[in-house]
Amino acid sequence: MRQRPLPPKLASSDPGPAMLSLLLKEQKRSRTSCRRRREAITATCLTEALGDPLNVGVARAYVNQKKLDYKVKILQVQVAQFAKQTGPWIGMVEDFNQALGEIGDGENWARSIELDMTTIATTLVYVYKGQLQPAPPPNFPLSPPVCSLGGTVTELSDPSSVPTYSQLTRGREGQQDPQ
C-alpha cells in the first residue's frame, strides 16, 4: 500500500494528540476509499462477467438477423424472376384452355348437325319408301304407331336403332326409282 504524504497542516505542526487523531481519520478515510475502489472494481468485473454471455447472445442474434435479411433479399429477387417466368406460361395455359373449349363447342355443334342430318335422311328415306303408316284417328286409343320395318315409331326414334340409308336401300336394288 502506498502512503500518502501528510497534509501541510500536519507536516508543520508538532506531533501531539491532535496529530494522532488526524492521522487516524486520514487512515480511516484511506481505507474506506480503498475499500470502495476495490468494491467498484469487483462490481465492474461482476457486471462484465454477467453481461458477457448476454452480449454474446445479442451479438449472435444480430449476426443471424443480418443473414436473414440477406436471404430475404435473395428470395425476393428469385420470386420476382419466377413471377416473370410464370407469366407467359399462365397466358399459354389460358389460351390452351380457351382453344379446348372452342374445340368442345365445335364437337357439340358437329354432333348436333350430324344428329339433325341423320334424322332428316331417315325421315326422307321413310317418306320416299312410303313406309310410315298414317296416324290413327283421334277416337281410337292411342298406342305407338307401328312401322313397316317391324317396330314402333318410338323405338325407331332412338338413333342407335334407326337403320342407315345403305341398310334401307339394300332391299331396293332391283326396283326402279320413281321419278
Protein backbone atom coordinates (compact mmCIF):
# COMPACT_ATOMS: atom_id res chain seq x y z
CA MET A 1 0.00 0.00 0.00
CA ARG A 2 1.19 3.46 -0.89
CA GLN A 3 1.49 6.06 1.76
CA ARG A 4 0.19 9.47 1.09
CA PRO A 5 2.10 12.48 2.02
CA LEU A 6 0.84 14.23 5.09
CA PRO A 7 -1.30 17.29 4.59
CA PRO A 8 0.69 20.53 5.01
CA LYS A 9 -1.15 21.35 8.18
CA LEU A 10 0.01 18.12 9.77
CA ALA A 11 3.53 18.30 8.44
CA SER A 12 4.29 21.66 10.02
CA SER A 13 2.68 21.15 13.37
CA ASP A 14 4.28 19.40 16.21
CA PRO A 15 3.25 15.88 16.91
CA GLY A 16 0.63 15.51 19.53
CA PRO A 17 -2.77 14.14 20.28
CA ALA A 18 -4.41 16.26 17.59
CA MET A 19 -2.00 14.95 15.08
CA LEU A 20 -2.68 11.43 16.07
CA SER A 21 -6.43 11.89 15.70
CA LEU A 22 -5.89 13.49 12.27
CA LEU A 23 -3.70 10.60 11.21
CA LEU A 24 -6.29 8.17 12.42
CA LYS A 25 -9.06 9.94 10.48
CA GLU A 26 -6.87 10.06 7.40
CA GLN A 27 -6.13 6.34 7.71
CA LYS A 28 -9.85 5.51 8.04
CA ARG A 29 -10.64 7.69 5.03
CA SER A 30 -7.87 5.99 3.07
CA ARG A 31 -9.10 2.52 4.00
CA THR A 32 -12.68 3.47 3.16
CA SER A 33 -11.66 4.83 -0.24
CA CYS A 34 -9.51 1.74 -0.93
CA ARG A 35 -12.38 -0.50 0.06
CA ARG A 36 -14.78 1.48 -2.13
CA ARG A 37 -12.32 1.31 -5.00
CA ARG A 38 -11.99 -2.47 -4.60
CA GLU A 39 -15.77 -2.84 -4.38
CA ALA A 40 -16.16 -0.75 -7.54
CA ILE A 41 -13.59 -2.88 -9.37
CA THR A 42 -15.31 -6.04 -8.13
CA ALA A 43 -18.72 -4.71 -9.22
CA THR A 44 -17.30 -3.80 -12.64
CA CYS A 45 -15.79 -7.26 -13.06
CA LEU A 46 -19.03 -8.88 -11.91
CA THR A 47 -21.07 -6.74 -14.31
CA GLU A 48 -18.76 -7.65 -17.18
CA ALA A 49 -18.86 -11.32 -16.22
CA LEU A 50 -22.66 -11.30 -16.13
CA GLY A 51 -23.04 -9.12 -19.22
CA ASP A 52 -20.65 -11.03 -21.49
CA PRO A 53 -22.98 -14.02 -22.02
CA LEU A 54 -25.80 -11.61 -22.74
CA ASN A 55 -23.63 -9.66 -25.14
CA VAL A 56 -22.62 -12.87 -26.90
CA GLY A 57 -26.29 -13.81 -27.32
CA VAL A 58 -27.16 -10.34 -28.58
CA ALA A 59 -24.21 -10.42 -31.00
CA ARG A 60 -25.32 -13.83 -32.29
CA ALA A 61 -28.88 -12.60 -32.75
CA TYR A 62 -27.59 -9.55 -34.65
CA VAL A 63 -25.48 -11.72 -36.97
CA ASN A 64 -28.42 -14.09 -37.54
CA GLN A 65 -30.69 -11.13 -38.30
CA LYS A 66 -28.21 -9.84 -40.90
CA LYS A 67 -28.05 -13.31 -42.50
CA LEU A 68 -31.85 -13.50 -42.59
CA ASP A 69 -32.11 -10.03 -44.15
CA TYR A 70 -29.65 -11.07 -46.86
CA LYS A 71 -31.52 -14.31 -47.57
CA VAL A 72 -34.87 -12.45 -47.69
CA LYS A 73 -33.45 -10.08 -50.32
CA ILE A 74 -32.22 -13.04 -52.39
CA LEU A 75 -35.61 -14.73 -52.05
CA GLN A 76 -37.41 -11.56 -53.15
CA VAL A 77 -35.25 -11.40 -56.29
CA GLN A 78 -35.93 -15.08 -57.01
CA VAL A 79 -39.68 -14.63 -56.51
CA ALA A 80 -39.68 -11.69 -58.93
CA GLN A 81 -37.80 -13.77 -61.52
CA PHE A 82 -40.21 -16.67 -61.01
CA ALA A 83 -43.19 -14.36 -61.47
CA LYS A 84 -41.71 -13.09 -64.74
CA GLN A 85 -41.16 -16.65 -65.95
CA THR A 86 -44.60 -17.92 -64.97
CA GLY A 87 -46.48 -15.00 -66.56
CA PRO A 88 -46.07 -16.28 -70.14
CA TRP A 89 -46.79 -19.86 -69.03
CA ILE A 90 -50.03 -18.82 -67.38
CA GLY A 91 -51.01 -16.98 -70.57
CA MET A 92 -50.27 -20.06 -72.67
CA VAL A 93 -52.32 -22.31 -70.37
CA GLU A 94 -55.27 -19.90 -70.51
CA ASP A 95 -55.04 -19.79 -74.31
CA PHE A 96 -54.88 -23.60 -74.40
CA ASN A 97 -57.96 -23.88 -72.17
CA GLN A 98 -59.82 -21.45 -74.41
CA ALA A 99 -58.84 -23.46 -77.51
CA LEU A 100 -60.03 -26.67 -75.82
CA GLY A 101 -63.34 -25.00 -75.06
CA GLU A 102 -63.69 -23.93 -78.66
CA ILE A 103 -62.90 -27.47 -79.84
CA GLY A 104 -65.54 -28.81 -77.46
CA ASP A 105 -68.04 -26.27 -78.82
CA GLY A 106 -67.16 -27.37 -82.37
CA GLU A 107 -67.61 -31.02 -81.43
CA ASN A 108 -71.01 -30.34 -79.90
CA TRP A 109 -72.05 -28.37 -82.98
CA ALA A 110 -70.85 -31.19 -85.28
CA ARG A 111 -72.72 -33.81 -83.20
CA SER A 112 -75.86 -31.70 -83.29
CA ILE A 113 -75.61 -31.24 -87.08
CA GLU A 114 -74.87 -34.96 -87.55
CA LEU A 115 -77.91 -35.95 -85.48
CA ASP A 116 -80.10 -33.49 -87.40
CA MET A 117 -78.80 -34.79 -90.74
CA THR A 118 -79.35 -38.41 -89.68
CA THR A 119 -82.90 -37.58 -88.62
CA ILE A 120 -83.59 -35.77 -91.90
CA ALA A 121 -82.07 -38.55 -94.01
CA THR A 122 -84.01 -41.24 -92.16
CA THR A 123 -87.24 -39.29 -92.47
CA LEU A 124 -86.65 -38.76 -96.20
CA VAL A 125 -85.99 -42.48 -96.71
CA TYR A 126 -89.20 -43.40 -94.83
CA VAL A 127 -91.22 -40.87 -96.76
CA TYR A 128 -89.67 -41.93 -100.05
CA LYS A 129 -90.48 -45.57 -99.44
CA GLY A 130 -93.89 -44.77 -98.02
CA GLN A 131 -93.26 -47.00 -95.05
CA LEU A 132 -94.81 -44.81 -92.37
CA GLN A 133 -98.43 -45.57 -91.57
CA PRO A 134 -100.87 -42.74 -91.08
CA ALA A 135 -101.70 -41.78 -87.53
CA PRO A 136 -104.86 -43.41 -86.06
CA PRO A 137 -107.99 -41.30 -85.84
CA PRO A 138 -108.32 -39.43 -82.54
CA ASN A 139 -111.26 -41.55 -81.26
CA PHE A 140 -109.08 -44.72 -81.10
CA PRO A 141 -106.99 -45.44 -78.04
CA LEU A 142 -103.55 -44.00 -78.52
CA SER A 143 -100.87 -46.59 -78.98
CA PRO A 144 -97.48 -46.16 -80.52
CA PRO A 145 -97.72 -46.34 -84.32
CA VAL A 146 -96.22 -49.44 -85.88
CA CYS A 147 -93.68 -49.05 -88.64
CA SER A 148 -93.45 -51.44 -91.56
CA LEU A 149 -89.88 -52.20 -90.55
CA GLY A 150 -91.11 -54.14 -87.57
CA GLY A 151 -91.17 -51.84 -84.58
CA THR A 152 -92.91 -48.85 -83.12
CA VAL A 153 -92.01 -45.34 -84.22
CA THR A 154 -90.82 -44.54 -80.70
CA GLU A 155 -88.40 -47.46 -80.86
CA LEU A 156 -87.11 -46.24 -84.20
CA SER A 157 -86.55 -42.69 -82.89
CA ASP A 158 -83.57 -44.00 -80.90
CA PRO A 159 -80.58 -43.16 -83.18
CA SER A 160 -78.87 -46.46 -82.48
CA SER A 161 -81.91 -48.47 -83.66
CA VAL A 162 -82.62 -46.39 -86.79
CA PRO A 163 -81.41 -48.18 -89.92
CA THR A 164 -78.92 -46.31 -92.06
CA TYR A 165 -79.61 -45.21 -95.63
CA SER A 166 -77.49 -48.04 -97.04
CA GLN A 167 -79.44 -50.62 -94.98
CA LEU A 168 -82.74 -49.29 -96.26
CA THR A 169 -81.68 -49.13 -99.91
CA ARG A 170 -80.17 -52.61 -99.91
CA GLY A 171 -83.59 -54.14 -100.39
CA ARG A 172 -84.44 -51.79 -103.29
CA GLU A 173 -81.57 -52.71 -105.59
CA GLY A 174 -83.82 -54.50 -108.10
CA GLN A 175 -86.57 -51.80 -108.02
CA GLN A 176 -86.73 -48.74 -110.25
CA ASP A 177 -86.63 -45.28 -108.77
CA PRO A 178 -89.95 -43.45 -109.36
CA GLN A 179 -89.30 -40.08 -110.97
